[in-house]
Amino acid sequence: MAQAVEEWYKQMPIITRSYLTAAVVTTIGCSLEIISPYHLYLNPKLVVKQYQFWRLITNFLYFRKMGKFHNDTVWYVVLVSVVKGARPTLGDPDLDFMFHMFFLARYCKLLEENSFRGRTADFFYMLLFGASVLTGIVLVGGMIPYLSASFAKIIFLSNSLTFMMVYVWSKQNPFIHMSFLGLFTFTAAYLPWVLLGFSVLVGASAWVDLLGMIAGHAYYFLEDVYPRMTGRRPLKTPSFIKAMFADEAVVVAGPANVRFAPPADELHRD
């Protein structure tokens, strides 16, 4: 069992493995009271006035609740059936963390291995763009009188970033068929809306999901739709980010029993 988990972990692409490791280490550190989640959450005043810039990153690494058992746990217990058809029982508050890790590992891995295969720098830039958009929305929303109270409750954006990945994956794989509890089937294009609907149904806050959908749609529009309309690509990955990653070449296997003609210079050689 341990060897299988180790093999599964080693086979993860670099960004997925790094993000998952950072999230697990951060959560374990908080559980052992080595660090406090109150030193991690997003607090604009502390960032600006006390220069605690690490909060801009650490709020994306903590996936558990600040308090005790939360009804969002019910939401993730139910929604796991969308992907695996499982029917787990409630009762353990750590289920909330486990299902967040499941969604993170699954959709982050799917994106990096398929849509962004051989483009690690582009995938990292997508996450950086999503994190920046989410942070900007929360900061601006906190200044709007009628919305400031709602945005003040959003102190961790890790779930929103995960939901953004789900949204982008659904847009890039819209025709994959999925099933929910065996009651109805739908295509992957509707997956974010199914998750959002059940979030509202069980009484959980829909803000977290909506923020992820907004960030995901912003990336999808600027990366896929806008370039097709104008021929320009505004989200081109900066060269200094590409220099950070040595992307592996994508090898495409050729069909068997295929003979290739020799070069032209050899054909004319006597």
Protein backbone atom coordinates (compact mmCIF):
# COMPACT_ATOMS: atom_id res chain seq x y z
CA MET A 1 0.00 0.00 0.00
CA ALA A 2 2.76 2.43 0.98
CA GLN A 3 4.66 1.58 -2.19
CA ALA A 4 1.58 2.21 -4.32
CA VAL A 5 1.05 5.62 -2.71
CA GLU A 6 4.73 6.46 -3.21
CA GLU A 7 4.54 5.45 -6.87
CA TRP A 8 1.36 7.48 -7.36
CA TYR A 9 3.03 10.49 -5.76
CA LYS A 10 6.18 10.22 -7.88
CA GLN A 11 4.17 9.97 -11.09
CA MET A 12 2.49 13.32 -10.47
CA PRO A 13 3.66 16.20 -12.66
CA ILE A 14 5.85 18.77 -10.94
CA ILE A 15 3.33 21.57 -10.33
CA THR A 16 0.59 19.26 -9.05
CA ARG A 17 3.04 17.43 -6.78
CA SER A 18 4.48 20.68 -5.42
CA TYR A 19 1.09 22.27 -4.75
CA LEU A 20 -0.34 19.14 -3.13
CA THR A 21 2.75 18.73 -0.96
CA ALA A 22 2.66 22.36 0.18
CA ALA A 23 -1.04 22.08 1.04
CA VAL A 24 -0.60 18.85 3.03
CA VAL A 25 2.50 20.11 4.86
CA THR A 26 0.75 23.38 5.73
CA THR A 27 -2.33 21.58 7.05
CA ILE A 28 -0.28 19.11 9.09
CA GLY A 29 1.76 21.98 10.50
CA CYS A 30 -1.43 23.70 11.63
CA SER A 31 -2.84 20.46 13.07
CA LEU A 32 0.34 19.97 15.13
CA GLU A 33 0.20 23.65 16.15
CA ILE A 34 3.61 24.27 14.66
CA ILE A 35 2.07 27.16 12.77
CA SER A 36 -1.26 28.89 13.20
CA PRO A 37 -3.81 29.40 10.41
CA TYR A 38 -4.25 32.91 11.79
CA HIS A 39 -0.78 33.63 10.42
CA LEU A 40 -1.75 32.36 6.99
CA TYR A 41 -5.11 33.86 6.09
CA LEU A 42 -5.54 36.79 3.71
CA ASN A 43 -5.70 40.07 5.61
CA PRO A 44 -5.28 43.14 3.38
CA LYS A 45 -4.52 45.44 6.31
CA LEU A 46 -1.71 43.24 7.59
CA VAL A 47 -0.33 42.86 4.07
CA VAL A 48 -0.26 46.61 3.39
CA LYS A 49 0.47 48.09 6.82
CA GLN A 50 2.69 45.39 8.37
CA TYR A 51 4.23 44.07 5.11
CA GLN A 52 3.11 40.49 5.74
CA PHE A 53 3.32 39.66 2.04
CA TRP A 54 3.49 35.91 2.66
CA ARG A 55 -0.26 35.95 3.26
CA LEU A 56 -0.75 36.51 -0.48
CA ILE A 57 0.62 32.99 -0.98
CA THR A 58 -0.19 31.07 2.20
CA ASN A 59 -3.94 31.68 1.92
CA PHE A 60 -3.86 29.38 -1.12
CA LEU A 61 -2.21 26.55 0.83
CA TYR A 62 -4.64 26.02 3.72
CA PHE A 63 -7.76 23.98 2.95
CA ARG A 64 -9.35 23.31 6.34
CA LYS A 65 -11.86 25.41 8.25
CA MET A 66 -10.88 27.80 10.99
CA GLY A 67 -13.60 26.44 13.25
CA LYS A 68 -15.09 23.02 13.92
CA PHE A 69 -17.28 20.84 11.71
CA HIS A 70 -18.82 22.90 8.92
CA ASN A 71 -21.69 22.11 6.61
CA ASP A 72 -19.35 22.49 3.65
CA THR A 73 -18.14 19.02 4.61
CA VAL A 74 -21.54 17.71 3.60
CA TRP A 75 -21.15 19.47 0.27
CA TYR A 76 -17.90 17.71 -0.58
CA VAL A 77 -19.06 14.34 0.70
CA VAL A 78 -22.02 14.49 -1.67
CA LEU A 79 -20.10 15.89 -4.61
CA VAL A 80 -17.40 13.24 -4.64
CA SER A 81 -19.99 10.97 -6.22
CA VAL A 82 -19.82 13.16 -9.33
CA VAL A 83 -16.36 11.85 -10.00
CA LYS A 84 -16.13 8.46 -8.30
CA GLY A 85 -19.68 7.34 -7.61
CA ALA A 86 -18.75 6.87 -3.95
CA ARG A 87 -21.18 7.16 -1.03
CA PRO A 88 -19.02 7.91 2.03
CA THR A 89 -20.50 8.45 5.49
CA LEU A 90 -20.27 11.67 7.45
CA GLY A 91 -18.88 12.18 10.89
CA ASP A 92 -15.22 13.09 10.44
CA PRO A 93 -14.44 16.81 10.02
CA ASP A 94 -11.21 15.83 8.21
CA LEU A 95 -13.36 14.62 5.31
CA ASP A 96 -13.61 18.25 4.26
CA PHE A 97 -9.83 18.42 3.88
CA MET A 98 -9.63 15.02 2.19
CA PHE A 99 -12.16 15.92 -0.49
CA HIS A 100 -10.49 19.24 -1.13
CA MET A 101 -7.24 17.34 -1.66
CA PHE A 102 -9.04 14.92 -3.96
CA PHE A 103 -10.39 17.68 -6.19
CA LEU A 104 -7.02 19.46 -6.16
CA ALA A 105 -5.03 16.35 -7.06
CA ARG A 106 -7.49 15.18 -9.71
CA TYR A 107 -8.14 18.32 -11.74
CA CYS A 108 -4.73 19.90 -11.28
CA LYS A 109 -3.17 16.63 -12.49
CA LEU A 110 -5.61 16.30 -15.40
CA LEU A 111 -4.85 19.81 -16.62
CA GLU A 112 -1.08 19.52 -16.27
CA GLU A 113 -0.87 16.09 -17.90
CA ASN A 114 -3.27 16.76 -20.77
CA SER A 115 -4.16 20.34 -21.68
CA PHE A 116 -0.75 21.66 -20.53
CA ARG A 117 1.36 18.64 -21.38
CA GLY A 118 4.89 19.80 -22.17
CA ARG A 119 3.90 23.37 -21.13
CA THR A 120 4.73 23.49 -17.43
CA ALA A 121 5.51 27.20 -17.54
CA ASP A 122 2.12 27.97 -19.13
CA PHE A 123 0.36 25.93 -16.44
CA PHE A 124 2.22 27.75 -13.67
CA TYR A 125 1.31 31.05 -15.30
CA MET A 126 -2.36 30.00 -15.37
CA LEU A 127 -2.29 29.37 -11.61
CA LEU A 128 -0.47 32.67 -11.06
CA PHE A 129 -3.07 34.49 -13.15
CA GLY A 130 -5.93 32.81 -11.27
CA ALA A 131 -4.43 33.61 -7.87
CA SER A 132 -3.93 37.24 -8.88
CA VAL A 133 -7.50 37.59 -10.16
CA LEU A 134 -8.97 36.00 -7.03
CA THR A 135 -6.89 38.20 -4.73
CA GLY A 136 -7.83 41.31 -6.71
CA ILE A 137 -11.55 40.48 -6.56
CA VAL A 138 -11.45 40.02 -2.78
CA LEU A 139 -9.47 43.22 -2.24
CA VAL A 140 -11.75 45.29 -4.48
CA GLY A 141 -14.91 43.63 -3.16
CA GLY A 142 -13.89 44.49 0.38
CA MET A 143 -14.10 48.18 -0.55
CA ILE A 144 -17.67 48.01 -1.88
CA PRO A 145 -20.11 49.01 0.89
CA TYR A 146 -22.86 46.46 0.28
CA LEU A 147 -20.48 43.58 -0.47
CA SER A 148 -17.67 44.23 1.98
CA ALA A 149 -19.24 42.06 4.70
CA SER A 150 -19.47 39.06 2.39
CA PHE A 151 -15.92 39.44 1.08
CA ALA A 152 -14.56 39.91 4.60
CA LYS A 153 -15.55 36.31 5.34
CA ILE A 154 -13.36 35.02 2.49
CA ILE A 155 -9.98 34.66 4.16
CA PHE A 156 -8.68 31.60 2.29
CA LEU A 157 -8.77 31.36 -1.51
CA SER A 158 -7.44 27.82 -1.87
CA ASN A 159 -10.88 26.36 -2.59
CA SER A 160 -11.60 29.06 -5.18
CA LEU A 161 -8.34 28.32 -7.00
CA THR A 162 -9.24 24.62 -7.06
CA PHE A 163 -12.68 25.48 -8.43
CA MET A 164 -11.02 27.59 -11.11
CA MET A 165 -9.10 24.51 -12.25
CA VAL A 166 -12.34 22.52 -12.36
CA TYR A 167 -13.91 25.25 -14.50
CA VAL A 168 -10.98 25.45 -16.94
CA TRP A 169 -10.90 21.65 -17.26
CA SER A 170 -14.63 21.56 -17.97
CA LYS A 171 -14.25 24.17 -20.70
CA GLN A 172 -11.42 22.28 -22.36
CA ASN A 173 -13.17 18.89 -22.07
CA PRO A 174 -16.84 19.82 -22.55
CA PHE A 175 -18.07 16.55 -24.07
CA ILE A 176 -16.91 14.08 -21.40
CA HIS A 177 -19.94 12.34 -19.87
CA MET A 178 -20.31 12.35 -16.09
CA SER A 179 -22.88 10.98 -13.67
CA PHE A 180 -24.21 12.20 -10.36
CA LEU A 181 -25.38 9.55 -7.89
CA GLY A 182 -26.66 7.57 -10.83
CA LEU A 183 -29.66 9.91 -10.94
CA PHE A 184 -28.74 11.88 -14.01
CA THR A 185 -25.87 12.28 -16.44
CA PHE A 186 -24.39 15.42 -17.86
CA THR A 187 -21.39 16.53 -19.85
CA ALA A 188 -18.32 18.04 -18.24
CA ALA A 189 -19.28 21.48 -19.52
CA TYR A 190 -21.96 21.60 -16.81
CA LEU A 191 -19.77 20.26 -13.98
CA PRO A 192 -19.10 23.69 -12.35
CA TRP A 193 -22.81 24.47 -12.39
CA VAL A 194 -23.68 21.11 -10.83
CA LEU A 195 -21.17 21.74 -8.05
CA LEU A 196 -22.43 25.28 -7.56
CA GLY A 197 -26.04 24.10 -7.45
CA PHE A 198 -25.36 21.58 -4.72
CA SER A 199 -23.33 24.12 -2.81
CA VAL A 200 -26.42 26.31 -2.66
CA LEU A 201 -28.68 23.32 -2.00
CA VAL A 202 -26.87 22.30 1.20
CA GLY A 203 -26.70 25.87 2.46
CA ALA A 204 -22.99 26.47 1.89
CA SER A 205 -21.70 29.81 0.71
CA ALA A 206 -21.68 30.08 -3.06
CA TRP A 207 -19.15 32.93 -3.07
CA VAL A 208 -16.14 30.60 -3.04
CA ASP A 209 -17.38 28.71 -6.10
CA LEU A 210 -18.45 31.85 -7.92
CA LEU A 211 -15.04 33.44 -7.46
CA GLY A 212 -13.41 30.34 -8.92
CA MET A 213 -15.80 30.41 -11.88
CA ILE A 214 -15.08 34.09 -12.52
CA ALA A 215 -11.32 33.56 -12.46
CA GLY A 216 -11.64 30.42 -14.59
CA HIS A 217 -13.81 32.15 -17.19
CA ALA A 218 -11.45 35.13 -17.32
CA TYR A 219 -8.58 32.79 -18.13
CA TYR A 220 -10.61 30.76 -20.62
CA PHE A 221 -11.75 33.89 -22.47
CA LEU A 222 -8.33 35.54 -22.62
CA GLU A 223 -6.46 32.34 -23.49
CA ASP A 224 -8.89 30.54 -25.84
CA VAL A 225 -11.71 32.82 -27.02
CA TYR A 226 -10.03 36.21 -27.44
CA PRO A 227 -7.05 34.89 -29.50
CA ARG A 228 -9.46 33.22 -31.93
CA MET A 229 -11.37 36.48 -32.31
CA THR A 230 -8.42 38.85 -32.72
CA GLY A 231 -5.34 36.73 -33.38
CA ARG A 232 -3.66 38.23 -30.31
CA ARG A 233 -2.79 36.32 -27.15
CA PRO A 234 -2.77 38.63 -24.09
CA LEU A 235 -1.81 35.87 -21.64
CA LYS A 236 1.43 34.88 -23.30
CA THR A 237 3.71 33.40 -20.66
CA PRO A 238 6.59 35.78 -19.82
CA SER A 239 10.05 34.59 -20.78
CA PHE A 240 11.38 34.75 -17.21
CA ILE A 241 8.72 32.22 -16.13
CA LYS A 242 9.57 29.95 -19.05
CA ALA A 243 13.21 30.12 -17.99
CA MET A 244 12.22 28.63 -14.62
CA PHE A 245 10.97 25.39 -16.17
CA ALA A 246 12.64 22.98 -18.53
CA ASP A 247 9.65 21.51 -20.33
CA GLU A 248 9.97 17.96 -21.54
CA ALA A 249 9.43 17.34 -25.22
CA VAL A 250 6.11 15.72 -26.05
CA VAL A 251 6.80 12.42 -27.78
CA VAL A 252 4.13 11.25 -30.22
CA ALA A 253 4.35 7.57 -31.10
CA GLY A 254 4.24 6.89 -34.81
CA PRO A 255 2.21 4.07 -36.36
CA ALA A 256 3.89 0.71 -36.72
CA ASN A 257 5.04 -0.79 -40.03
CA VAL A 258 5.40 2.57 -41.72
CA ARG A 259 8.29 3.08 -44.14
CA PHE A 260 9.61 6.56 -44.76
CA ALA A 261 11.18 7.69 -48.01
CA PRO A 262 14.88 8.57 -47.87
CA PRO A 263 15.93 12.23 -48.09
CA ALA A 264 15.85 13.84 -51.53
CA ASP A 265 19.63 14.16 -51.73
CA GLU A 266 20.02 10.38 -51.36
CA LEU A 267 17.51 9.72 -54.15
CA HIS A 268 19.64 11.71 -56.62
CA ARG A 269 22.91 10.23 -55.41
CA ASP A 270 24.55 7.80 -57.89
